[in-house]
C-alpha atoms as a PDB file:
ATOM      1  CA  MET A   1       0.000   0.000   0.000  1.00  0.00           C
ATOM      2  CA  HIS A   2       1.190   3.497  -0.707  1.00  0.00           C
ATOM      3  CA  ALA A   3      -0.328   6.959  -0.732  1.00  0.00           C
ATOM      4  CA  ALA A   4      -1.145   8.546  -4.040  1.00  0.00           C
ATOM      5  CA  GLN A   5      -1.590  12.052  -5.292  1.00  0.00           C
ATOM      6  CA  HIS A   6      -5.023  11.786  -6.924  1.00  0.00           C
ATOM      7  CA  ASP A   7      -8.588  10.808  -6.100  1.00  0.00           C
ATOM      8  CA  ALA A   8     -10.086   7.341  -6.386  1.00  0.00           C
ATOM      9  CA  PRO A   9     -11.547   6.689  -9.834  1.00  0.00           C
ATOM     10  CA  THR A  10     -15.318   6.449  -9.870  1.00  0.00           C
ATOM     11  CA  ARG A  11     -18.056   5.961 -12.423  1.00  0.00           C
ATOM     12  CA  GLY A  12     -21.279   7.567 -11.257  1.00  0.00           C
ATOM     13  CA  ARG A  13     -21.879   6.245  -7.756  1.00  0.00           C
ATOM     14  CA  HIS A  14     -19.554   3.250  -8.153  1.00  0.00           C
ATOM     15  CA  LEU A  15     -15.883   2.781  -7.347  1.00  0.00           C
ATOM     16  CA  VAL A  16     -13.759   1.773 -10.351  1.00  0.00           C
ATOM     17  CA  ASP A  17     -10.519  -0.160  -9.946  1.00  0.00           C
ATOM     18  CA  ASP A  18      -7.197   1.660 -10.209  1.00  0.00           C
ATOM     19  CA  GLY A  19      -5.675  -0.718 -12.760  1.00  0.00           C
ATOM     20  CA  MET A  20      -3.277  -3.594 -12.588  1.00  0.00           C
ATOM     21  CA  PRO A  21       0.268  -3.652 -11.216  1.00  0.00           C
ATOM     22  CA  VAL A  22       2.303  -2.706 -14.298  1.00  0.00           C
ATOM     23  CA  ALA A  23       5.342  -4.591 -12.996  1.00  0.00           C
ATOM     24  CA  LEU A  24       3.425  -7.849 -13.451  1.00  0.00           C
ATOM     25  CA  ALA A  25       2.693  -7.349 -17.172  1.00  0.00           C
ATOM     26  CA  ALA A  26       5.789  -9.270 -18.283  1.00  0.00           C
ATOM     27  CA  THR A  27       5.009 -12.178 -15.934  1.00  0.00           C
ATOM     28  CA  GLY A  28       1.571 -13.028 -17.277  1.00  0.00           C
ATOM     29  CA  LEU A  29       0.095 -12.397 -13.824  1.00  0.00           C
ATOM     30  CA  ASP A  30      -1.214  -8.946 -14.677  1.00  0.00           C
ATOM     31  CA  ASP A  31      -4.873 -10.075 -14.668  1.00  0.00           C
ATOM     32  CA  SER A  32      -4.403 -11.845 -11.331  1.00  0.00           C
ATOM     33  CA  PHE A  33      -4.052  -8.617  -9.320  1.00  0.00           C
ATOM     34  CA  ARG A  34      -5.800  -5.223  -9.312  1.00  0.00           C
ATOM     35  CA  TYR A  35      -5.437  -2.007  -7.362  1.00  0.00           C
ATOM     36  CA  TRP A  36      -8.308  -0.268  -5.607  1.00  0.00           C
ATOM     37  CA  ARG A  37      -7.859   3.280  -4.262  1.00  0.00           C
ATOM     38  CA  GLY A  38      -9.556   4.580  -1.116  1.00  0.00           C
ATOM     39  CA  ALA A  39     -10.741   8.075  -0.281  1.00  0.00           C
ATOM     40  CA  SER A  40      -7.498   8.612   1.666  1.00  0.00           C
ATOM     41  CA  GLY A  41      -5.531   8.199  -1.572  1.00  0.00           C
ATOM     42  CA  ALA A  42      -4.044   4.901  -0.364  1.00  0.00           C
ATOM     43  CA  ARG A  43      -3.916   2.198  -3.017  1.00  0.00           C
ATOM     44  CA  PHE A  44      -4.417  -1.441  -2.048  1.00  0.00           C
ATOM     45  CA  VAL A  45      -3.479  -4.494  -4.117  1.00  0.00           C
ATOM     46  CA  PHE A  46      -6.054  -7.288  -4.407  1.00  0.00           C
ATOM     47  CA  SER A  47      -5.728 -10.805  -5.814  1.00  0.00           C
ATOM     48  CA  VAL A  48      -8.423 -11.666  -8.366  1.00  0.00           C
ATOM     49  CA  SER A  49     -10.412 -14.906  -8.548  1.00  0.00           C
ATOM     50  CA  PRO A  50     -13.785 -16.016  -9.912  1.00  0.00           C
ATOM     51  CA  VAL A  51     -16.669 -14.773  -7.768  1.00  0.00           C
ATOM     52  CA  ALA A  52     -17.657 -18.299  -6.681  1.00  0.00           C
ATOM     53  CA  ALA A  53     -14.140 -19.401  -5.691  1.00  0.00           C
ATOM     54  CA  VAL A  54     -14.197 -18.215  -2.066  1.00  0.00           C
ATOM     55  CA  THR A  55     -16.942 -18.810   0.488  1.00  0.00           C
ATOM     56  CA  SER A  56     -15.484 -17.048   3.533  1.00  0.00           C
ATOM     57  CA  VAL A  57     -12.137 -15.500   4.426  1.00  0.00           C
ATOM     58  CA  SER A  58     -11.136 -14.088   7.808  1.00  0.00           C
ATOM     59  CA  ASN A  59      -9.458 -10.681   7.934  1.00  0.00           C
ATOM     60  CA  ALA A  60      -9.920 -10.129   4.198  1.00  0.00           C
ATOM     61  CA  VAL A  61     -11.365  -7.169   2.369  1.00  0.00           C
ATOM     62  CA  VAL A  62     -13.534  -8.330  -0.521  1.00  0.00           C
ATOM     63  CA  VAL A  63     -14.543  -6.351  -3.585  1.00  0.00           C
ATOM     64  CA  LEU A  64     -17.102  -8.094  -5.786  1.00  0.00           C
ATOM     65  CA  ALA A  65     -16.694  -6.580  -9.226  1.00  0.00           C
ATOM     66  CA  THR A  66     -17.999  -6.492 -12.763  1.00  0.00           C
ATOM     67  CA  ASN A  67     -15.683  -6.455 -15.761  1.00  0.00           C
ATOM     68  CA  GLY A  68     -16.007  -3.431 -18.059  1.00  0.00           C
ATOM     69  CA  ARG A  69     -15.546  -3.554 -21.827  1.00  0.00           C
ATOM     70  CA  ASP A  70     -12.520  -1.293 -21.421  1.00  0.00           C
ATOM     71  CA  GLY A  71     -10.898  -3.732 -18.957  1.00  0.00           C
ATOM     72  CA  SER A  72     -11.779  -1.712 -15.876  1.00  0.00           C
ATOM     73  CA  ARG A  73     -13.521  -3.271 -12.909  1.00  0.00           C
ATOM     74  CA  GLU A  74     -16.475  -1.696 -11.109  1.00  0.00           C
ATOM     75  CA  ALA A  75     -17.208  -2.530  -7.481  1.00  0.00           C
ATOM     76  CA  VAL A  76     -20.645  -4.019  -6.880  1.00  0.00           C
ATOM     77  CA  TRP A  77     -20.037  -4.752  -3.180  1.00  0.00           C
ATOM     78  CA  ILE A  78     -17.241  -3.931  -0.723  1.00  0.00           C
ATOM     79  CA  GLY A  79     -16.959  -5.592   2.675  1.00  0.00           C
ATOM     80  CA  ARG A  80     -15.253  -8.187   4.829  1.00  0.00           C
ATOM     81  CA  GLY A  81     -15.000 -11.791   3.681  1.00  0.00           C
ATOM     82  CA  ASP A  82     -16.104 -13.061   7.076  1.00  0.00           C
ATOM     83  CA  SER A  83     -19.045 -10.696   7.586  1.00  0.00           C
ATOM     84  CA  PRO A  84     -22.544 -12.148   8.075  1.00  0.00           C
ATOM     85  CA  GLU A  85     -23.865 -10.403   4.958  1.00  0.00           C
ATOM     86  CA  PHE A  86     -21.102 -11.719   2.668  1.00  0.00           C
ATOM     87  CA  ARG A  87     -22.973 -14.761   1.284  1.00  0.00           C
ATOM     88  CA  LEU A  88     -26.122 -12.783   0.540  1.00  0.00           C
ATOM     89  CA  ALA A  89     -24.070  -9.947  -0.953  1.00  0.00           C
ATOM     90  CA  ARG A  90     -22.218 -12.415  -3.162  1.00  0.00           C
ATOM     91  CA  ALA A  91     -25.476 -13.869  -4.505  1.00  0.00           C
ATOM     92  CA  ALA A  92     -26.924 -10.383  -5.107  1.00  0.00           C
ATOM     93  CA  SER A  93     -23.675  -9.233  -6.748  1.00  0.00           C
ATOM     94  CA  VAL A  94     -23.682 -12.185  -9.144  1.00  0.00           C
ATOM     95  CA  ALA A  95     -27.277 -11.290 -10.062  1.00  0.00           C
ATOM     96  CA  ALA A  96     -26.031  -7.730 -10.713  1.00  0.00           C
ATOM     97  CA  GLY A  97     -23.297  -8.993 -13.062  1.00  0.00           C
ATOM     98  CA  ALA A  98     -20.288  -9.476 -10.788  1.00  0.00           C
ATOM     99  CA  THR A  99     -17.857 -12.073 -12.141  1.00  0.00           C
ATOM    100  CA  GLU A 100     -14.762 -11.409 -10.030  1.00  0.00           C
ATOM    101  CA  MET A 101     -13.894 -11.511  -6.362  1.00  0.00           C
ATOM    102  CA  HIS A 102     -10.961  -9.320  -5.340  1.00  0.00           C
ATOM    103  CA  LEU A 103      -9.284 -10.194  -2.021  1.00  0.00           C
ATOM    104  CA  HIS A 104      -6.934  -8.104   0.090  1.00  0.00           C
ATOM    105  CA  MET A 105      -5.622  -9.968   3.135  1.00  0.00           C
ATOM    106  CA  THR A 106      -5.026  -8.061   6.363  1.00  0.00           C
ATOM    107  CA  SER A 107      -3.528  -9.078   9.678  1.00  0.00           C
ATOM    108  CA  SER A 108      -6.589  -8.178  11.759  1.00  0.00           C
ATOM    109  CA  PRO A 109     -10.312  -7.456  11.636  1.00  0.00           C
ATOM    110  CA  LEU A 110      -9.552  -3.829  12.553  1.00  0.00           C
ATOM    111  CA  GLY A 111      -7.236  -3.481   9.556  1.00  0.00           C
ATOM    112  CA  ALA A 112      -9.883  -4.950   7.264  1.00  0.00           C
ATOM    113  CA  ASP A 113     -12.549  -2.620   8.681  1.00  0.00           C
ATOM    114  CA  ARG A 114     -10.300   0.417   8.129  1.00  0.00           C
ATOM    115  CA  ILE A 115      -9.718  -0.477   4.473  1.00  0.00           C
ATOM    116  CA  VAL A 116     -13.422  -1.203   3.873  1.00  0.00           C
ATOM    117  CA  ARG A 117     -14.298   2.235   5.301  1.00  0.00           C
ATOM    118  CA  ASP A 118     -11.633   3.910   3.138  1.00  0.00           C
ATOM    119  CA  LEU A 119     -12.857   2.227  -0.059  1.00  0.00           C
ATOM    120  CA  LYS A 120     -16.513   2.940   0.678  1.00  0.00           C
ATOM    121  CA  ALA A 121     -15.707   6.577   1.475  1.00  0.00           C
ATOM    122  CA  ALA A 122     -14.272   6.936  -2.044  1.00  0.00           C
ATOM    123  CA  ILE A 123     -17.699   6.343  -3.580  1.00  0.00           C
ATOM    124  CA  PRO A 124     -19.413   9.639  -4.391  1.00  0.00           C
ATOM    125  CA  ILE A 125     -22.847   9.981  -2.854  1.00  0.00           C
ATOM    126  CA  ALA A 126     -25.336  12.405  -4.355  1.00  0.00           C
ATOM    127  CA  PRO A 127     -26.329  15.119  -1.857  1.00  0.00           C
ATOM    128  CA  LEU A 128     -29.775  14.649  -0.357  1.00  0.00           C
ATOM    129  CA  LYS A 129     -32.167  17.347  -1.561  1.00  0.00           C
ATOM    130  CA  VAL A 130     -35.170  17.968   0.614  1.00  0.00           C
ATOM    131  CA  ASN A 131     -37.981  20.188  -0.603  1.00  0.00           C
ATOM    132  CA  PHE A 132     -40.619  21.225   1.927  1.00  0.00           C
ATOM    133  CA  ALA A 133     -42.662  23.327  -0.535  1.00  0.00           C
END
């Protein structure tokens, strides 16, 4: 992980991945890892697997993602791999078109929670407009 100088890429109200590790291009592993950038500017590397490959993972941040035509990935769900809502979220994400599961291992639940909050904070939320007229 390292801090970056620009904002997390988004598409509408969805977080878009920050590309693949360029250093892996010559190894053939470039599609096996992706970066995701949080609101803090920190960039985290995730391993990529099919969405059905993992059922539960302790201390892991999970991004369930769709594959864009341009090669980008769009987050459908972000959370912990051992959270109670993970299985339901995975099923709903598959129904929404998710094909990939991105995993970032951490050393503790607190570390995973911090990264989940950072990634979710990077997603732009439209301001609530209330009209009392």
